[in-house]
Protein backbone atom coordinates (compact mmCIF):
# COMPACT_ATOMS: atom_id res chain seq x y z
CA MET A 1 -15.52 5.40 12.55
CA VAL A 2 -16.08 3.99 15.60
CA VAL A 3 -18.48 6.83 16.98
CA ASP A 4 -20.69 6.33 13.46
CA PHE A 5 -20.76 2.59 14.15
CA TRP A 6 -22.43 3.03 17.49
CA GLY A 7 -25.08 4.97 15.95
CA LYS A 8 -26.06 2.10 14.25
CA ILE A 9 -26.81 0.33 17.64
CA LYS A 10 -30.07 0.97 18.53
CA PRO A 11 -33.07 -1.59 19.60
CA GLN A 12 -35.00 -0.62 16.18
CA THR A 13 -32.04 -1.01 13.88
CA LEU A 14 -30.30 -3.86 15.50
CA ALA A 15 -28.61 -6.37 12.89
CA PRO A 16 -29.23 -10.37 13.12
CA LEU A 17 -25.19 -10.73 12.08
CA TYR A 18 -22.32 -8.81 13.50
CA LEU A 19 -18.67 -9.12 12.19
CA LEU A 20 -16.28 -7.36 14.29
CA TYR A 21 -12.23 -7.94 13.99
CA GLY A 22 -9.25 -5.78 14.15
CA THR A 23 -6.40 -4.95 16.32
CA GLU A 24 -7.87 -2.67 19.09
CA THR A 25 -9.30 -5.12 21.60
CA PHE A 26 -10.79 -2.27 23.74
CA LEU A 27 -12.89 -1.19 20.84
CA LEU A 28 -13.76 -4.79 20.00
CA ASN A 29 -14.86 -5.54 23.65
CA GLU A 30 -16.93 -2.17 23.75
CA ILE A 31 -18.75 -2.61 20.81
CA VAL A 32 -19.94 -6.08 21.68
CA GLU A 33 -21.02 -4.61 24.96
CA ARG A 34 -22.83 -2.07 23.44
CA ILE A 35 -24.85 -4.18 21.09
CA VAL A 36 -25.74 -6.88 24.11
CA ARG A 37 -26.40 -3.82 26.35
CA THR A 38 -28.94 -2.67 23.83
CA ALA A 39 -30.44 -5.88 23.12
CA LEU A 40 -30.78 -7.66 26.51
CA LYS A 41 -31.88 -6.34 29.82
CA GLU A 42 -29.43 -6.63 32.76
CA GLU A 43 -31.81 -9.43 34.13
CA GLU A 44 -31.81 -11.22 30.73
CA ARG A 45 -28.31 -12.02 30.11
CA ASP A 46 -27.97 -15.13 32.13
CA PHE A 47 -30.56 -16.85 29.74
CA HIS A 48 -29.94 -15.04 26.56
CA LEU A 49 -26.22 -14.48 26.30
CA ALA A 50 -24.25 -17.10 25.05
CA VAL A 51 -20.57 -16.99 24.39
CA TYR A 52 -18.55 -19.58 22.47
CA ASP A 53 -14.92 -19.87 21.49
CA CYS A 54 -13.97 -21.24 17.99
CA GLU A 55 -10.66 -22.49 19.36
CA GLU A 56 -12.72 -24.84 21.99
CA THR A 57 -16.13 -25.50 20.59
CA PRO A 58 -17.36 -26.05 16.85
CA VAL A 59 -19.13 -23.29 15.19
CA GLU A 60 -22.56 -25.52 14.62
CA VAL A 61 -22.72 -25.57 18.36
CA ALA A 62 -23.11 -21.82 18.25
CA VAL A 63 -25.50 -22.20 15.14
CA GLU A 64 -27.94 -24.54 16.89
CA GLU A 65 -27.95 -22.09 20.01
CA ALA A 66 -28.82 -19.13 17.67
CA GLU A 67 -32.07 -21.38 16.58
CA THR A 68 -32.99 -22.07 19.75
CA LEU A 69 -36.11 -19.91 20.77
CA PRO A 70 -35.46 -17.80 23.94
CA PHE A 71 -37.15 -18.67 27.02
CA PHE A 72 -38.23 -15.35 28.08
CA GLY A 73 -38.23 -11.95 26.06
CA GLU A 74 -37.79 -11.32 22.46
CA LYS A 75 -34.13 -11.59 21.67
CA LYS A 76 -31.00 -13.85 22.69
CA VAL A 77 -27.52 -12.55 21.32
CA VAL A 78 -24.91 -15.25 20.62
CA VAL A 79 -21.31 -14.08 20.65
CA VAL A 80 -18.82 -16.05 18.52
CA LYS A 81 -15.22 -15.64 19.51
CA ASN A 82 -11.95 -16.37 17.39
CA PRO A 83 -13.68 -17.31 14.27
CA TYR A 84 -10.10 -18.23 13.03
CA PHE A 85 -11.83 -20.17 9.87
CA LEU A 86 -12.40 -16.71 8.37
CA THR A 87 -8.67 -16.03 8.21
CA ALA A 88 -5.74 -17.63 6.88
CA GLU A 89 -4.53 -18.76 10.42
CA LYS A 90 -4.29 -21.94 11.80
CA GLY A 91 -6.42 -22.44 14.98
CA LYS A 92 -4.99 -23.38 18.42
CA GLU A 93 -6.99 -26.52 18.99
CA LYS A 94 -7.84 -28.99 16.45
CA VAL A 95 -11.44 -28.37 16.12
CA GLU A 96 -13.71 -29.39 13.38
CA HIS A 97 -16.07 -26.64 12.30
CA ASP A 98 -19.28 -27.50 10.05
CA VAL A 99 -18.82 -24.47 7.74
CA LYS A 100 -21.67 -25.64 5.70
CA LYS A 101 -24.19 -25.13 8.65
CA LEU A 102 -23.02 -21.40 9.04
CA GLU A 103 -23.64 -20.72 5.41
CA GLU A 104 -26.87 -21.82 5.82
CA TYR A 105 -27.43 -19.84 8.88
CA ILE A 106 -26.26 -16.79 7.43
CA ALA A 107 -28.54 -17.51 4.35
CA SER A 108 -31.40 -17.17 6.71
CA PRO A 109 -30.64 -16.02 10.28
CA SER A 110 -33.12 -16.33 13.14
CA PRO A 111 -35.10 -13.28 13.59
CA PHE A 112 -35.15 -13.44 17.25
CA SER A 113 -30.99 -13.93 17.58
CA ILE A 114 -28.33 -11.53 17.17
CA VAL A 115 -24.77 -13.42 16.27
CA ILE A 116 -21.79 -11.53 16.95
CA PHE A 117 -18.30 -12.95 15.20
CA THR A 118 -15.53 -11.18 16.68
CA GLY A 119 -11.71 -11.70 16.72
CA LEU A 120 -8.49 -9.91 16.93
CA TYR A 121 -7.04 -10.28 13.60
CA GLU A 122 -5.71 -7.77 11.23
CA LYS A 123 -7.52 -9.02 8.36
CA LEU A 124 -9.95 -11.83 7.21
CA ASP A 125 -9.34 -14.14 4.08
CA GLU A 126 -11.65 -12.69 1.88
CA ARG A 127 -10.80 -15.36 -0.61
CA LYS A 128 -12.98 -17.79 1.48
CA LYS A 129 -16.47 -18.48 0.04
CA ILE A 130 -17.93 -18.34 4.07
CA THR A 131 -15.69 -14.77 4.95
CA LYS A 132 -17.12 -13.46 1.63
CA ARG A 133 -20.84 -14.15 2.25
CA LEU A 134 -20.47 -13.35 5.95
CA MET A 135 -19.16 -9.90 4.96
CA GLN A 136 -21.70 -9.28 2.45
CA GLU A 137 -24.43 -10.28 4.82
CA ALA A 138 -23.50 -8.88 8.33
CA GLU A 139 -22.83 -5.34 9.81
CA VAL A 140 -19.21 -5.11 9.64
CA PHE A 141 -16.70 -3.01 11.65
CA VAL A 142 -12.97 -3.15 11.43
CA ALA A 143 -11.35 -1.83 15.07
CA SER A 144 -8.28 -0.09 13.85
CA PRO A 145 -6.08 2.43 16.05
CA LEU A 146 -7.74 5.66 15.92
CA ASN A 147 -6.11 8.93 14.42
CA GLU A 148 -5.75 11.97 16.41
CA LYS A 149 -9.01 13.56 15.01
CA GLU A 150 -10.87 10.23 15.81
CA LEU A 151 -9.38 10.02 19.19
CA HIS A 152 -10.78 13.76 19.66
CA ARG A 153 -14.39 12.25 18.63
CA TRP A 154 -13.95 9.29 20.63
CA ILE A 155 -13.46 11.24 23.92
CA HIS A 156 -16.21 13.69 23.28
CA GLU A 157 -18.70 11.13 22.92
CA ARG A 158 -17.45 8.95 26.14
CA VAL A 159 -17.64 12.36 28.34
CA ASN A 160 -20.93 13.12 26.15
CA GLU A 161 -22.51 9.87 27.31
CA ASN A 162 -20.95 10.68 31.19
CA GLY A 163 -23.38 13.58 31.10
CA VAL A 164 -20.38 16.37 30.91
CA THR A 165 -18.38 18.26 28.74
CA MET A 166 -14.70 18.56 28.15
CA THR A 167 -12.54 21.51 26.65
CA ASP A 168 -10.31 21.21 23.34
CA GLU A 169 -7.46 22.11 25.84
CA ALA A 170 -8.45 19.31 28.43
CA LYS A 171 -8.33 16.73 25.47
CA GLU A 172 -5.08 17.59 24.20
CA ALA A 173 -3.63 17.52 27.89
CA LEU A 174 -5.24 14.17 28.43
CA LEU A 175 -3.64 12.56 25.25
CA LYS A 176 -0.22 14.34 26.35
CA LEU A 177 -0.11 13.02 29.67
CA ALA A 178 -2.18 9.37 29.36
CA GLY A 179 -1.28 8.33 25.91
CA THR A 180 -3.30 6.79 23.29
CA ASN A 181 -4.20 3.55 25.07
CA LEU A 182 -8.46 3.28 25.11
CA MET A 183 -8.68 1.59 28.22
CA MET A 184 -6.44 4.13 30.05
CA LEU A 185 -8.27 6.92 28.28
CA ALA A 186 -11.52 5.17 28.99
CA ASN A 187 -10.70 4.80 32.90
CA GLU A 188 -9.23 8.46 33.17
CA LEU A 189 -12.31 9.73 31.56
CA ASP A 190 -14.59 7.88 33.89
CA LYS A 191 -12.78 9.20 37.00
CA LEU A 192 -12.49 12.67 35.52
CA SER A 193 -16.44 12.84 34.96
CA LEU A 194 -17.15 11.68 38.39
CA PHE A 195 -15.35 14.25 39.71
CA VAL A 196 -16.73 17.06 38.06
CA GLY A 197 -20.10 15.59 38.45
CA GLN A 198 -23.31 15.57 36.31
CA ALA A 199 -23.32 18.58 33.53
CA GLY A 200 -19.83 19.64 34.65
CA THR A 201 -16.96 20.47 32.65
CA ILE A 202 -13.58 18.82 32.34
CA THR A 203 -10.69 21.36 32.00
CA GLU A 204 -7.04 21.42 31.29
CA ALA A 205 -6.07 22.10 35.13
CA THR A 206 -8.53 19.17 36.27
CA VAL A 207 -6.68 16.57 33.63
CA GLU A 208 -3.37 18.16 35.23
CA MET A 209 -4.66 17.58 38.55
CA LEU A 210 -5.93 14.05 38.29
CA VAL A 211 -4.66 12.07 35.38
CA SER A 212 -2.17 9.32 36.28
CA ARG A 213 0.98 9.74 34.27
CA THR A 214 2.47 6.28 32.70
CA PRO A 215 6.02 6.15 32.95
CA GLU A 216 6.46 6.94 29.33
CA GLN A 217 4.54 10.07 29.54
CA ASN A 218 6.26 11.18 32.62
CA VAL A 219 9.42 10.99 30.51
CA PHE A 220 8.12 12.84 27.84
CA VAL A 221 7.33 15.52 30.30
CA LEU A 222 10.97 15.09 31.54
CA VAL A 223 12.47 15.74 28.29
CA GLU A 224 9.99 18.94 27.75
CA LYS A 225 11.16 20.13 30.93
CA VAL A 226 15.11 19.77 30.31
CA ILE A 227 14.18 21.29 26.59
CA ARG A 228 12.78 24.17 27.97
CA ARG A 229 15.78 24.64 30.63
CA LYS A 230 13.34 23.99 33.82
CA ILE A 231 15.93 22.02 35.74
CA GLU A 232 14.03 22.35 38.92
CA GLU A 233 10.83 21.01 37.48
CA ALA A 234 12.76 18.50 35.58
CA LEU A 235 14.20 16.88 38.54
CA GLN A 236 11.09 16.86 40.42
CA VAL A 237 9.50 14.71 37.88
CA PHE A 238 12.39 12.73 37.89
CA TYR A 239 12.19 12.39 41.83
CA ASP A 240 8.36 11.61 41.38
CA LEU A 241 9.32 8.65 38.94
CA LEU A 242 11.91 7.28 41.74
CA GLU A 243 8.89 7.54 44.08
CA ASN A 244 7.03 5.66 41.88
CA GLN A 245 9.29 2.84 42.44
CA GLU A 246 10.93 3.18 38.76
CA GLU A 247 14.53 2.21 38.54
CA PRO A 248 17.01 4.60 37.20
CA VAL A 249 18.29 2.20 34.71
CA LYS A 250 14.45 2.06 33.48
CA ILE A 251 14.22 5.95 33.27
CA LEU A 252 17.53 6.04 31.37
CA SER A 253 16.03 3.59 28.94
CA LEU A 254 13.19 5.30 28.46
CA LEU A 255 15.08 8.48 27.91
CA ALA A 256 17.08 6.92 25.15
CA SER A 257 13.80 5.44 23.40
CA GLN A 258 12.17 9.31 23.39
CA PHE A 259 15.11 10.84 21.88
CA ARG A 260 15.65 7.69 19.54
CA LEU A 261 12.29 8.57 18.39
CA LEU A 262 12.88 12.27 17.93
CA TYR A 263 16.28 11.54 16.15
CA GLN A 264 14.17 9.49 13.89
CA VAL A 265 11.20 11.42 13.07
CA LYS A 266 13.56 14.54 12.45
CA GLY A 267 15.43 12.61 9.91
CA LEU A 268 12.27 11.16 8.11
CA ALA A 269 10.35 14.49 8.36
CA ALA A 270 13.68 16.11 6.48
CA LYS A 271 13.32 13.56 3.88
CA GLY A 272 9.71 14.73 2.98
CA TYR A 273 7.57 12.25 5.02
CA GLY A 274 4.36 13.42 6.43
CA GLN A 275 3.32 12.50 10.21
CA GLN A 276 1.01 9.60 8.97
CA GLN A 277 3.67 8.09 6.99
CA ILE A 278 6.43 8.43 9.59
CA ALA A 279 3.97 6.93 12.18
CA SER A 280 3.56 3.78 10.09
CA ILE A 281 7.17 3.38 9.05
CA LEU A 282 7.95 3.58 12.75
CA LYS A 283 4.64 1.83 13.95
CA VAL A 284 3.79 4.13 16.66
CA HIS A 285 0.96 6.23 17.09
CA PRO A 286 0.38 9.29 14.78
CA PHE A 287 -0.35 11.46 18.05
CA ARG A 288 3.04 10.41 19.48
CA VAL A 289 4.84 11.60 16.21
CA LYS A 290 2.96 14.93 16.27
CA LEU A 291 4.35 15.37 19.70
CA ALA A 292 7.89 14.29 18.96
CA LEU A 293 8.02 16.54 15.85
CA GLY A 294 7.41 19.51 18.20
CA GLN A 295 10.37 18.47 20.50
CA ALA A 296 12.72 17.39 17.66
CA ALA A 297 12.32 20.88 16.30
CA LEU A 298 14.15 22.41 18.85
CA PHE A 299 17.43 20.16 18.02
CA SER A 300 19.49 19.80 15.33
CA GLU A 301 20.59 16.03 13.98
CA GLN A 302 24.01 16.60 15.54
CA GLU A 303 22.42 17.95 19.04
CA LEU A 304 20.16 14.86 19.06
CA MET A 305 23.49 12.51 18.29
CA LYS A 306 25.49 14.10 20.93
CA VAL A 307 22.60 13.59 23.50
CA MET A 308 22.35 9.83 22.18
CA HIS A 309 26.13 9.78 22.79
CA ASP A 310 25.65 11.06 26.42
CA LEU A 311 23.03 8.17 27.22
CA ALA A 312 25.20 5.50 25.95
CA GLU A 313 27.92 7.09 28.05
CA THR A 314 25.83 7.03 31.28
CA ASP A 315 24.33 3.82 30.56
CA TYR A 316 27.91 2.47 30.50
CA GLN A 317 29.19 4.26 33.70
CA MET A 318 25.77 2.85 35.18
CA LYS A 319 26.75 -0.93 34.42
CA SER A 320 30.56 -0.42 34.83
CA SER A 321 31.27 2.11 37.64
CA ALA A 322 30.51 2.10 41.51
CA ILE A 323 28.71 5.69 41.12
CA ASP A 324 25.30 5.97 42.53
CA LYS A 325 23.04 5.39 39.33
CA GLN A 326 20.40 8.20 40.70
CA LEU A 327 23.49 10.74 40.95
CA LEU A 328 24.58 9.72 37.33
CA LEU A 329 21.06 10.67 35.89
CA GLU A 330 21.03 14.01 38.12
CA LEU A 331 23.97 14.87 36.66
CA LEU A 332 23.22 14.19 32.91
CA LEU A 333 19.58 16.35 33.50
CA VAL A 334 21.64 19.21 34.91
CA LYS A 335 23.93 19.08 32.17
CA TRP A 336 21.24 19.01 29.22
CA SER A 337 19.14 21.65 31.09
CA LYS A 338 22.23 24.03 30.69
CA GLU A 339 23.26 22.49 27.49
CA PRO A 340 21.01 19.98 25.92
CA ALA A 341 23.45 19.31 23.24
């Protein structure tokens, strides 16, 4: 878990070698920044931080940098990006790498250098000698998507570092409104922390007032209002989307995507699949599946099929008739609010 890995990044416990890979770009960048910030003072970065891209530069250049004594201070950090030779992938550029030189360095790393290998790779090729050796000698972190429990813990640590606290209800509301994209969540948490100030508490009301909603999250709220027969509130969400320059055709497409998800999770749940399994099959975040299961429970399979038919019919009318697209969507929302099926 990322928060546990954060605990290893301390001045007295910094490792000479780090291997960071995975599919979560934000987590990779965040950990690299934490290591750099822990190892170097702000004024040392210009002299003691070097970054090399293996798709442009031979790895032995980075090794030579790591073997060179720092001009000032005690440590230097060398970031080695896109080490594709650790994977089964081919490099975008034809760069010759002296892997033997790297193997020698891994066996005896410089005591004054911290070398970070980082790449956006789902997996590495552990059949390769160099990969196996680096994984044995380095501190390794795999940046995978966080599950719901991990997200809550990540949020807790983030606000704690900002000097504020956050209620469980506020965390849940934040995930519903902002989604699970870590960069977006980090931006929202920093904004909320600034609003409540040092030692303040972020509440559900604060989240509702300040958090920016993505079009997808607004559509989730829109569906929720329709399900609850709250037509005035549903229309207000719809008008908010229009004010944010979202086209009726796009809103319809997002509605179709959300109801398609409800139909899929309901069908898979009926077959006995759990939340994590459904998320894996549909390739969506488990938290989205959790929310979709809650909404899908209010429909029968036949009702969801009827909703999908309504969406297809409205899409056809938008593309083939002269009726105002906004009006068509308004009529559809009113219809669903009275009788969603």
